[in-house]
Amino acid sequence: MPLLYLIIRKKGGDIHMKVTIWKNDNESNERAITRFNKKVQGSRKIIKIRSDRYHKKDATKRYARAAAIMRDHHRARKEKTKFY
């Protein structure tokens, strides 16, 4: 049985994420928890859950087009200023 397992509670029910760790023989509990926290942060599942917390309205065509133009502009400017 795994030592730590991530379960997130939401209104519609529990969401079980596949982030588990097993404690090594010579490992303290604090170290195991630290390792678990790093693994959870690395999986980026918390960011996904937080972004899904509130409903976001879909971007309109006009806004999406403007965002794409600005993104291309910033990428081109960043490419110009590279030092290598």
N, C-alpha and C. Protein backbone atom coordinates (compact mmCIF):
# COMPACT_ATOMS: atom_id res chain seq x y z
N MET A 1 0.85 -1.19 0.00
CA MET A 1 0.00 0.00 0.00
C MET A 1 0.89 1.24 0.00
N PRO A 2 0.55 2.23 -0.81
CA PRO A 2 1.39 3.43 -0.88
C PRO A 2 1.30 4.23 0.42
N LEU A 3 2.37 4.93 0.69
CA LEU A 3 2.41 5.76 1.89
C LEU A 3 1.54 7.00 1.71
N LEU A 4 1.68 7.70 0.60
CA LEU A 4 0.92 8.93 0.36
C LEU A 4 0.22 8.84 -0.99
N TYR A 5 -1.01 9.32 -1.03
CA TYR A 5 -1.82 9.27 -2.25
C TYR A 5 -2.62 10.56 -2.30
N LEU A 6 -2.68 11.21 -3.43
CA LEU A 6 -3.35 12.50 -3.56
C LEU A 6 -4.83 12.30 -3.84
N ILE A 7 -5.69 12.87 -2.98
CA ILE A 7 -7.13 12.87 -3.18
C ILE A 7 -7.60 14.32 -3.04
N ILE A 8 -8.33 14.80 -4.04
CA ILE A 8 -8.82 16.16 -4.01
C ILE A 8 -10.33 16.11 -3.92
N ARG A 9 -10.89 16.84 -2.98
CA ARG A 9 -12.33 16.85 -2.78
C ARG A 9 -12.95 18.00 -3.56
N LYS A 10 -13.97 17.69 -4.35
CA LYS A 10 -14.71 18.70 -5.10
C LYS A 10 -16.19 18.51 -4.82
N LYS A 11 -16.99 19.46 -5.27
CA LYS A 11 -18.43 19.39 -5.05
C LYS A 11 -19.04 18.12 -5.63
N GLY A 12 -18.64 17.75 -6.84
CA GLY A 12 -19.22 16.60 -7.51
C GLY A 12 -18.73 15.27 -6.99
N GLY A 13 -17.74 15.27 -6.11
CA GLY A 13 -17.18 14.03 -5.58
C GLY A 13 -15.66 14.11 -5.54
N ASP A 14 -15.05 13.05 -5.10
CA ASP A 14 -13.59 13.02 -4.99
C ASP A 14 -12.95 12.81 -6.35
N ILE A 15 -11.79 13.40 -6.51
CA ILE A 15 -10.98 13.18 -7.70
C ILE A 15 -9.71 12.49 -7.23
N HIS A 16 -9.45 11.31 -7.72
CA HIS A 16 -8.25 10.59 -7.33
C HIS A 16 -7.18 10.81 -8.39
N MET A 17 -6.05 11.32 -7.97
CA MET A 17 -4.94 11.56 -8.87
C MET A 17 -3.90 10.46 -8.68
N LYS A 18 -3.21 10.11 -9.72
CA LYS A 18 -2.24 9.04 -9.64
C LYS A 18 -0.86 9.61 -9.27
N VAL A 19 -0.74 10.11 -8.05
CA VAL A 19 0.54 10.56 -7.52
C VAL A 19 0.75 9.81 -6.22
N THR A 20 1.63 8.85 -6.22
CA THR A 20 1.88 8.05 -5.02
C THR A 20 3.37 7.93 -4.78
N ILE A 21 3.72 7.71 -3.53
CA ILE A 21 5.11 7.40 -3.20
C ILE A 21 5.11 6.28 -2.16
N TRP A 22 6.21 5.56 -2.12
CA TRP A 22 6.44 4.56 -1.10
C TRP A 22 7.62 5.00 -0.26
N LYS A 23 7.50 4.88 1.02
CA LYS A 23 8.55 5.29 1.94
C LYS A 23 9.68 4.27 1.90
N ASN A 24 10.90 4.77 1.77
CA ASN A 24 12.07 3.89 1.80
C ASN A 24 12.36 3.47 3.24
N ASP A 25 13.18 2.44 3.41
CA ASP A 25 13.45 1.90 4.74
C ASP A 25 14.11 2.92 5.67
N ASN A 26 15.13 3.60 5.17
CA ASN A 26 15.89 4.52 6.02
C ASN A 26 15.45 5.97 5.83
N GLU A 27 14.20 6.20 5.47
CA GLU A 27 13.72 7.55 5.18
C GLU A 27 12.77 8.02 6.28
N SER A 28 12.94 9.27 6.71
CA SER A 28 12.05 9.81 7.74
C SER A 28 10.71 10.19 7.11
N ASN A 29 9.71 10.37 7.97
CA ASN A 29 8.39 10.76 7.47
C ASN A 29 8.42 12.14 6.83
N GLU A 30 9.19 13.05 7.42
CA GLU A 30 9.28 14.42 6.88
C GLU A 30 9.87 14.40 5.48
N ARG A 31 10.89 13.58 5.29
CA ARG A 31 11.53 13.49 3.97
C ARG A 31 10.58 12.88 2.94
N ALA A 32 9.80 11.89 3.37
CA ALA A 32 8.83 11.27 2.47
C ALA A 32 7.75 12.27 2.06
N ILE A 33 7.30 13.09 3.01
CA ILE A 33 6.29 14.10 2.71
C ILE A 33 6.86 15.15 1.77
N THR A 34 8.11 15.55 1.99
CA THR A 34 8.76 16.52 1.11
C THR A 34 8.87 15.97 -0.31
N ARG A 35 9.25 14.70 -0.42
CA ARG A 35 9.36 14.06 -1.73
C ARG A 35 8.00 13.98 -2.43
N PHE A 36 6.97 13.69 -1.64
CA PHE A 36 5.62 13.64 -2.18
C PHE A 36 5.18 15.02 -2.69
N ASN A 37 5.44 16.07 -1.89
CA ASN A 37 5.06 17.43 -2.30
C ASN A 37 5.77 17.82 -3.58
N LYS A 38 7.03 17.48 -3.72
CA LYS A 38 7.77 17.79 -4.95
C LYS A 38 7.17 17.05 -6.14
N LYS A 39 6.77 15.81 -5.92
CA LYS A 39 6.19 15.02 -7.01
C LYS A 39 4.84 15.60 -7.43
N VAL A 40 4.05 16.06 -6.46
CA VAL A 40 2.74 16.66 -6.77
C VAL A 40 2.94 17.96 -7.54
N GLN A 41 3.87 18.80 -7.09
CA GLN A 41 4.14 20.06 -7.78
C GLN A 41 4.67 19.79 -9.20
N GLY A 42 5.50 18.78 -9.34
CA GLY A 42 6.05 18.45 -10.65
C GLY A 42 5.02 17.92 -11.62
N SER A 43 3.97 17.29 -11.10
CA SER A 43 2.95 16.73 -11.98
C SER A 43 1.99 17.81 -12.49
N ARG A 44 2.00 18.99 -11.88
CA ARG A 44 1.19 20.14 -12.29
C ARG A 44 -0.31 19.87 -12.19
N LYS A 45 -0.71 18.90 -11.40
CA LYS A 45 -2.14 18.59 -11.26
C LYS A 45 -2.85 19.63 -10.40
N ILE A 46 -2.16 20.19 -9.42
CA ILE A 46 -2.77 21.21 -8.57
C ILE A 46 -3.09 22.45 -9.40
N ILE A 47 -2.20 22.82 -10.31
CA ILE A 47 -2.43 23.98 -11.17
C ILE A 47 -3.67 23.75 -12.03
N LYS A 48 -3.81 22.54 -12.54
CA LYS A 48 -4.98 22.21 -13.37
C LYS A 48 -6.27 22.29 -12.56
N ILE A 49 -6.26 21.77 -11.36
CA ILE A 49 -7.45 21.81 -10.50
C ILE A 49 -7.80 23.25 -10.15
N ARG A 50 -6.79 24.05 -9.82
CA ARG A 50 -7.06 25.45 -9.48
C ARG A 50 -7.59 26.24 -10.67
N SER A 51 -7.09 25.94 -11.86
CA SER A 51 -7.58 26.66 -13.03
C SER A 51 -9.01 26.24 -13.38
N ASP A 52 -9.40 25.02 -13.03
CA ASP A 52 -10.76 24.55 -13.30
C ASP A 52 -11.75 24.95 -12.20
N ARG A 53 -11.27 25.66 -11.20
CA ARG A 53 -12.11 26.01 -10.06
C ARG A 53 -13.27 26.92 -10.47
N TYR A 54 -12.99 27.84 -11.36
CA TYR A 54 -14.02 28.77 -11.82
C TYR A 54 -14.20 28.63 -13.32
N HIS A 55 -15.40 28.88 -13.78
CA HIS A 55 -15.69 28.78 -15.21
C HIS A 55 -15.09 29.97 -15.94
N LYS A 56 -14.43 29.71 -17.06
CA LYS A 56 -13.89 30.78 -17.89
C LYS A 56 -14.68 30.82 -19.18
N LYS A 57 -15.04 32.01 -19.56
CA LYS A 57 -15.77 32.20 -20.80
C LYS A 57 -14.82 31.94 -21.97
N ASP A 58 -15.30 31.31 -23.02
CA ASP A 58 -14.47 31.07 -24.20
C ASP A 58 -14.10 32.39 -24.86
N ALA A 59 -12.90 32.44 -25.41
CA ALA A 59 -12.44 33.64 -26.08
C ALA A 59 -13.19 33.83 -27.40
N THR A 60 -13.52 35.06 -27.70
CA THR A 60 -14.17 35.35 -28.97
C THR A 60 -13.13 35.28 -30.08
N LYS A 61 -13.58 35.21 -31.32
CA LYS A 61 -12.65 35.15 -32.45
C LYS A 61 -11.77 36.39 -32.48
N ARG A 62 -12.38 37.52 -32.22
CA ARG A 62 -11.63 38.78 -32.27
C ARG A 62 -10.52 38.79 -31.21
N TYR A 63 -10.85 38.37 -29.99
CA TYR A 63 -9.87 38.36 -28.92
C TYR A 63 -8.77 37.33 -29.19
N ALA A 64 -9.16 36.16 -29.68
CA ALA A 64 -8.18 35.11 -29.97
C ALA A 64 -7.22 35.55 -31.06
N ARG A 65 -7.74 36.23 -32.07
CA ARG A 65 -6.90 36.73 -33.17
C ARG A 65 -5.92 37.78 -32.65
N ALA A 66 -6.41 38.70 -31.82
CA ALA A 66 -5.55 39.74 -31.26
C ALA A 66 -4.47 39.13 -30.38
N ALA A 67 -4.83 38.13 -29.60
CA ALA A 67 -3.86 37.47 -28.73
C ALA A 67 -2.79 36.75 -29.55
N ALA A 68 -3.19 36.13 -30.66
CA ALA A 68 -2.23 35.43 -31.52
C ALA A 68 -1.27 36.42 -32.17
N ILE A 69 -1.78 37.57 -32.59
CA ILE A 69 -0.91 38.60 -33.19
C ILE A 69 0.10 39.10 -32.17
N MET A 70 -0.35 39.37 -30.95
CA MET A 70 0.56 39.85 -29.91
C MET A 70 1.57 38.77 -29.53
N ARG A 71 1.14 37.52 -29.48
CA ARG A 71 2.04 36.42 -29.15
C ARG A 71 3.14 36.31 -30.20
N ASP A 72 2.78 36.41 -31.47
CA ASP A 72 3.78 36.36 -32.55
C ASP A 72 4.73 37.55 -32.47
N HIS A 73 4.18 38.72 -32.13
CA HIS A 73 4.99 39.92 -32.00
C HIS A 73 6.03 39.75 -30.89
N HIS A 74 5.58 39.25 -29.74
CA HIS A 74 6.49 39.07 -28.60
C HIS A 74 7.54 37.99 -28.89
N ARG A 75 7.13 36.92 -29.57
CA ARG A 75 8.10 35.87 -29.92
C ARG A 75 9.16 36.40 -30.87
N ALA A 76 8.74 37.21 -31.85
CA ALA A 76 9.70 37.77 -32.81
C ALA A 76 10.65 38.73 -32.10
N ARG A 77 10.12 39.53 -31.21
CA ARG A 77 10.97 40.46 -30.46
C ARG A 77 11.96 39.72 -29.56
N LYS A 78 11.49 38.65 -28.94
CA LYS A 78 12.35 37.85 -28.07
C LYS A 78 13.44 37.16 -28.89
N GLU A 79 13.07 36.70 -30.09
CA GLU A 79 14.04 36.03 -30.97
C GLU A 79 15.13 37.01 -31.40
N LYS A 80 14.77 38.25 -31.62
CA LYS A 80 15.73 39.27 -32.03
C LYS A 80 16.77 39.56 -30.96
N THR A 81 16.35 39.52 -29.71
CA THR A 81 17.23 39.92 -28.61
C THR A 81 18.02 38.77 -28.01
N LYS A 82 18.02 37.60 -28.63
CA LYS A 82 18.81 36.48 -28.12
C LYS A 82 20.28 36.79 -28.25
N PHE A 83 21.07 36.35 -27.29
CA PHE A 83 22.50 36.64 -27.28
C PHE A 83 23.34 35.51 -27.86
N TYR A 84 22.75 34.39 -28.11
CA TYR A 84 23.54 33.26 -28.62
C TYR A 84 23.19 32.90 -30.02
